[in-house]
N, C-alpha and C. Protein backbone atom coordinates (compact mmCIF):
# COMPACT_ATOMS: atom_id res chain seq x y z
N UNK A 1 -21.24 1.05 3.27
CA UNK A 1 -20.29 0.83 4.55
C UNK A 1 -19.20 0.78 4.19
N UNK A 2 -18.43 1.82 4.95
CA UNK A 2 -17.05 2.01 4.82
C UNK A 2 -16.05 1.18 5.77
N UNK A 3 -15.34 0.40 4.75
CA UNK A 3 -14.33 -0.59 6.39
C UNK A 3 -12.70 -0.10 6.20
N UNK A 4 -12.34 -0.85 6.54
CA UNK A 4 -10.93 -0.05 6.97
C UNK A 4 -10.16 -0.78 6.68
N UNK A 5 -9.01 -0.80 5.56
CA UNK A 5 -8.41 -2.16 5.29
C UNK A 5 -6.99 -2.19 4.66
N UNK A 6 -6.17 -3.12 5.52
CA UNK A 6 -4.78 -3.06 5.05
C UNK A 6 -4.02 -4.19 4.31
N UNK A 7 -4.01 -3.37 3.09
CA UNK A 7 -2.89 -4.12 1.89
C UNK A 7 -1.62 -4.79 2.12
N UNK A 8 -0.98 -5.53 2.12
CA UNK A 8 -0.02 -5.84 2.64
C UNK A 8 0.67 -6.22 0.90
N UNK A 9 1.93 -5.59 0.70
CA UNK A 9 2.66 -6.22 -0.57
C UNK A 9 3.36 -6.85 -0.64
N UNK A 10 3.12 -7.96 -0.76
CA UNK A 10 4.51 -8.94 0.05
C UNK A 10 5.34 -9.71 -1.15
N UNK A 11 4.64 -10.35 -1.93
CA UNK A 11 4.78 -11.20 -3.32
C UNK A 11 4.67 -9.95 -4.38
N UNK A 12 3.92 -9.65 -4.75
CA UNK A 12 2.88 -9.27 -5.95
C UNK A 12 2.60 -7.70 -5.56
N UNK A 13 3.31 -6.72 -5.76
CA UNK A 13 3.23 -5.51 -5.59
C UNK A 13 2.35 -4.81 -6.89
N UNK A 14 2.49 -4.92 -7.76
CA UNK A 14 1.36 -4.60 -8.64
C UNK A 14 -0.26 -5.30 -8.64
N UNK A 15 -0.42 -6.54 -8.03
CA UNK A 15 -1.92 -6.60 -7.72
C UNK A 15 -2.26 -6.14 -6.50
N UNK A 16 -1.20 -6.20 -5.18
CA UNK A 16 -1.27 -4.93 -3.85
C UNK A 16 -1.96 -3.85 -4.29
N UNK A 17 -1.23 -3.34 -5.45
CA UNK A 17 -1.46 -1.36 -5.83
C UNK A 17 -3.04 -1.37 -6.60
N UNK A 18 -3.13 -2.70 -7.14
CA UNK A 18 -4.18 -2.63 -7.62
C UNK A 18 -5.19 -2.76 -6.96
N UNK A 19 -5.63 -3.93 -5.95
CA UNK A 19 -6.79 -3.76 -4.95
C UNK A 19 -6.89 -2.72 -4.58
N UNK A 20 -5.41 -1.71 -3.70
CA UNK A 20 -5.75 -0.85 -2.84
C UNK A 20 -6.45 0.12 -3.56
N UNK A 21 -5.96 0.38 -4.67
CA UNK A 21 -6.80 1.43 -5.45
C UNK A 21 -7.99 1.19 -5.43
N UNK A 22 -8.80 0.23 -5.80
CA UNK A 22 -9.95 -0.15 -6.69
C UNK A 22 -10.59 -0.48 -4.72
N UNK A 23 -10.19 -0.56 -3.38
CA UNK A 23 -11.10 -0.65 -2.55
C UNK A 23 -11.46 0.83 -2.34
N UNK A 24 -10.72 1.95 -2.92
CA UNK A 24 -10.87 3.47 -2.22
C UNK A 24 -12.40 3.98 -3.16
N UNK A 25 -12.75 3.14 -4.02
CA UNK A 25 -14.03 3.12 -5.05
C UNK A 25 -15.01 3.36 -4.18
N UNK A 26 -14.70 2.47 -3.43
CA UNK A 26 -16.35 2.29 -2.76
C UNK A 26 -16.17 2.33 -1.47
N UNK A 27 -15.79 4.05 -1.22
CA UNK A 27 -15.08 4.34 -0.12
C UNK A 27 -14.15 3.80 1.39
N UNK A 28 -13.64 2.85 0.87
CA UNK A 28 -13.32 2.28 1.81
C UNK A 28 -11.42 3.00 2.06
N UNK A 29 -11.68 2.93 3.67
CA UNK A 29 -10.13 3.33 4.28
C UNK A 29 -9.09 2.04 3.91
N UNK A 30 -7.63 2.55 2.90
CA UNK A 30 -6.65 2.01 2.89
C UNK A 30 -5.90 2.54 3.80
N UNK A 31 -5.04 1.07 3.99
CA UNK A 31 -3.40 1.62 4.65
C UNK A 31 -2.45 0.75 3.71
N UNK A 32 -1.22 1.13 3.26
CA UNK A 32 -0.85 0.01 2.89
C UNK A 32 0.71 -0.41 2.59
N UNK A 33 1.20 -1.17 2.48
CA UNK A 33 2.87 -1.02 3.22
C UNK A 33 3.55 -2.36 2.32
N UNK A 34 4.33 -1.75 1.66
CA UNK A 34 5.39 -2.74 1.12
C UNK A 34 6.35 -3.42 2.11
N UNK A 35 6.53 -4.66 1.98
CA UNK A 35 6.97 -5.68 2.73
C UNK A 35 8.49 -6.28 2.18
N UNK A 36 8.31 -5.68 0.97
CA UNK A 36 9.52 -6.36 -0.21
C UNK A 36 9.63 -5.25 -1.16
N UNK A 37 11.29 -4.98 -1.38
CA UNK A 37 11.03 -3.55 -2.43
C UNK A 37 10.89 -4.02 -3.68
N UNK A 38 9.80 -3.30 -4.08
CA UNK A 38 9.33 -3.05 -5.46
C UNK A 38 10.07 -2.39 -6.47
N UNK A 39 9.57 -2.79 -7.83
CA UNK A 39 10.70 -2.54 -8.96
C UNK A 39 10.41 -1.12 -9.10
N UNK A 40 11.70 -0.59 -9.63
CA UNK A 40 11.64 0.92 -9.81
C UNK A 40 11.72 1.31 -10.79
N UNK A 41 10.66 2.32 -11.68
CA UNK A 41 10.85 2.21 -13.01
C UNK A 41 12.12 3.52 -13.57
N UNK A 42 11.72 4.11 -14.86
CA UNK A 42 12.95 4.80 -15.11
C UNK A 42 12.82 6.63 -14.31
N UNK A 43 11.39 6.79 -13.62
CA UNK A 43 11.77 8.14 -13.17
C UNK A 43 11.93 8.00 -11.43
N UNK A 44 12.59 6.61 -11.03
CA UNK A 44 13.12 6.57 -9.79
C UNK A 44 11.85 6.74 -8.74
N UNK A 45 10.32 6.12 -9.36
CA UNK A 45 9.07 6.07 -8.72
C UNK A 45 9.19 4.41 -8.74
N UNK A 46 9.07 4.06 -7.67
CA UNK A 46 8.24 1.97 -7.90
C UNK A 46 6.72 2.42 -8.69
N UNK A 47 6.62 1.14 -9.77
CA UNK A 47 6.07 0.76 -10.87
C UNK A 47 4.46 0.85 -10.25
N UNK A 48 3.76 1.55 -10.81
CA UNK A 48 2.25 1.99 -10.75
C UNK A 48 2.21 2.51 -9.50
N UNK A 49 3.45 3.90 -9.42
CA UNK A 49 2.72 4.59 -8.04
C UNK A 49 1.86 5.69 -8.84
N UNK A 50 1.71 5.83 -10.14
CA UNK A 50 0.53 6.78 -10.01
C UNK A 50 -1.01 6.01 -9.71
N UNK A 51 -1.51 4.81 -9.37
CA UNK A 51 -2.52 4.65 -9.20
C UNK A 51 -2.83 4.20 -7.64
N UNK A 52 -1.48 4.49 -6.70
CA UNK A 52 -2.30 5.15 -5.50
C UNK A 52 -2.15 6.35 -4.78
N UNK A 53 -1.13 7.11 -5.94
CA UNK A 53 -1.05 8.90 -6.34
C UNK A 53 -2.50 9.11 -6.35
N UNK A 54 -3.33 8.85 -7.46
CA UNK A 54 -4.77 9.08 -7.68
C UNK A 54 -5.60 8.72 -6.67
N UNK A 55 -5.46 7.35 -6.20
CA UNK A 55 -6.42 6.80 -5.09
C UNK A 55 -5.82 7.67 -3.72
N UNK A 56 -4.95 8.68 -3.43
CA UNK A 56 -5.15 9.57 -2.26
C UNK A 56 -4.64 7.91 -1.35
N UNK A 57 -3.45 7.41 -1.50
CA UNK A 57 -2.88 6.43 -0.75
C UNK A 57 -1.91 6.37 -0.36
N UNK A 58 -1.20 7.27 0.49
CA UNK A 58 -0.27 7.11 0.66
C UNK A 58 0.60 5.63 1.71
N UNK A 59 1.63 5.18 0.75
CA UNK A 59 2.22 4.18 1.15
C UNK A 59 2.92 4.35 1.98
N UNK A 60 3.18 2.92 2.63
CA UNK A 60 4.53 2.84 3.85
C UNK A 60 5.20 1.79 3.47
N UNK A 61 6.16 1.61 3.97
CA UNK A 61 7.49 0.55 3.67
C UNK A 61 8.38 0.14 5.11
N UNK A 62 8.26 -1.47 5.02
CA UNK A 62 9.24 -2.05 5.68
C UNK A 62 10.83 -2.28 5.32
N UNK A 63 11.09 -1.31 3.85
CA UNK A 63 12.21 -1.86 3.87
C UNK A 63 12.75 -0.27 3.11
N UNK A 64 13.94 -0.06 3.58
CA UNK A 64 14.10 1.45 3.58
C UNK A 64 15.08 1.55 1.83
N UNK A 65 14.83 3.16 1.56
CA UNK A 65 15.02 3.31 0.39
C UNK A 65 13.71 3.20 -1.03
N UNK A 66 12.75 2.72 -0.02
CA UNK A 66 12.02 2.95 -1.25
C UNK A 66 11.26 4.67 -1.86
N UNK A 67 11.45 5.03 -2.76
CA UNK A 67 10.93 6.06 -3.14
C UNK A 67 9.50 6.50 -2.84
N UNK A 68 8.90 7.62 -2.58
CA UNK A 68 7.62 8.15 -2.52
C UNK A 68 6.74 7.21 -1.26
N UNK A 69 7.57 6.88 0.06
CA UNK A 69 7.02 6.07 1.09
C UNK A 69 7.51 6.49 2.00
N UNK A 70 6.30 6.03 3.43
CA UNK A 70 6.43 6.61 4.49
C UNK A 70 7.37 5.60 5.44
N UNK A 71 8.40 5.69 6.26
CA UNK A 71 8.37 4.48 6.64
C UNK A 71 7.18 3.44 7.87
N UNK A 72 7.03 2.33 7.82
CA UNK A 72 5.81 1.32 8.35
C UNK A 72 7.08 1.28 9.53
N UNK A 73 6.51 2.41 10.71
CA UNK A 73 6.97 2.06 12.47
C UNK A 73 6.32 1.11 13.22
N UNK A 74 4.98 1.08 12.56
CA UNK A 74 3.77 0.65 13.44
C UNK A 74 3.21 -0.65 13.07
N UNK A 75 3.52 -2.07 12.52
CA UNK A 75 2.57 -2.63 11.52
C UNK A 75 1.77 -3.24 12.65
N UNK A 76 2.19 -3.95 13.41
CA UNK A 76 1.27 -4.40 14.43
C UNK A 76 0.27 -3.28 15.02
N UNK A 77 0.25 -2.33 14.90
CA UNK A 77 -0.64 -1.07 15.21
C UNK A 77 -2.10 -1.41 13.89
N UNK A 78 -1.10 -0.72 12.58
CA UNK A 78 -2.11 -1.30 11.59
C UNK A 78 -3.40 -2.30 11.67
N UNK A 79 -2.35 -3.24 11.69
CA UNK A 79 -2.86 -4.89 11.94
C UNK A 79 -4.11 -4.38 12.80
N UNK A 80 -3.38 -3.90 13.72
CA UNK A 80 -4.71 -3.95 15.19
C UNK A 80 -6.50 -2.75 14.70
N UNK A 81 -5.75 -1.96 13.37
CA UNK A 81 -6.58 -0.86 13.56
C UNK A 81 -7.75 -1.24 12.33
N UNK A 82 -7.02 -2.27 11.74
CA UNK A 82 -7.53 -2.48 10.31
C UNK A 82 -8.94 -3.50 10.82
N UNK A 83 -10.20 -3.53 9.82
CA UNK A 83 -10.96 -4.32 9.92
C UNK A 83 -11.03 -5.55 8.74
N UNK A 84 -10.26 -5.25 8.34
CA UNK A 84 -9.51 -6.26 7.41
C UNK A 84 -8.06 -6.46 6.70
N UNK A 85 -7.45 -7.51 6.23
CA UNK A 85 -6.04 -7.49 6.23
C UNK A 85 -5.86 -8.29 4.85
N UNK A 86 -5.17 -7.62 3.92
CA UNK A 86 -5.17 -9.04 2.42
C UNK A 86 -3.84 -8.88 2.30
N UNK A 87 -2.95 -9.80 1.88
CA UNK A 87 -1.57 -9.83 1.54
C UNK A 87 -1.79 -10.13 0.28
N UNK A 88 -0.68 -10.17 -0.30
CA UNK A 88 -0.35 -10.08 -2.14
C UNK A 88 0.90 -10.45 -1.88
């Protein structure tokens, strides 16, 4: 059974990315939102970007200037749509 999960990256972006990518293995639908600015690697991407890319998760961000994300314009809507919300 597929569950719609919202993953919020607040304090530990790496753990949030790891959990979000892992949730897709069981065919869960995952929305991902950076709530703080993640660390950026030498290639100009946020650290562990490839994990979300391989899991086909398009990350959103509440913070301007985070590469390879789209702006999160309706966090309340994402929370209401999700069956589960986890925060790291």
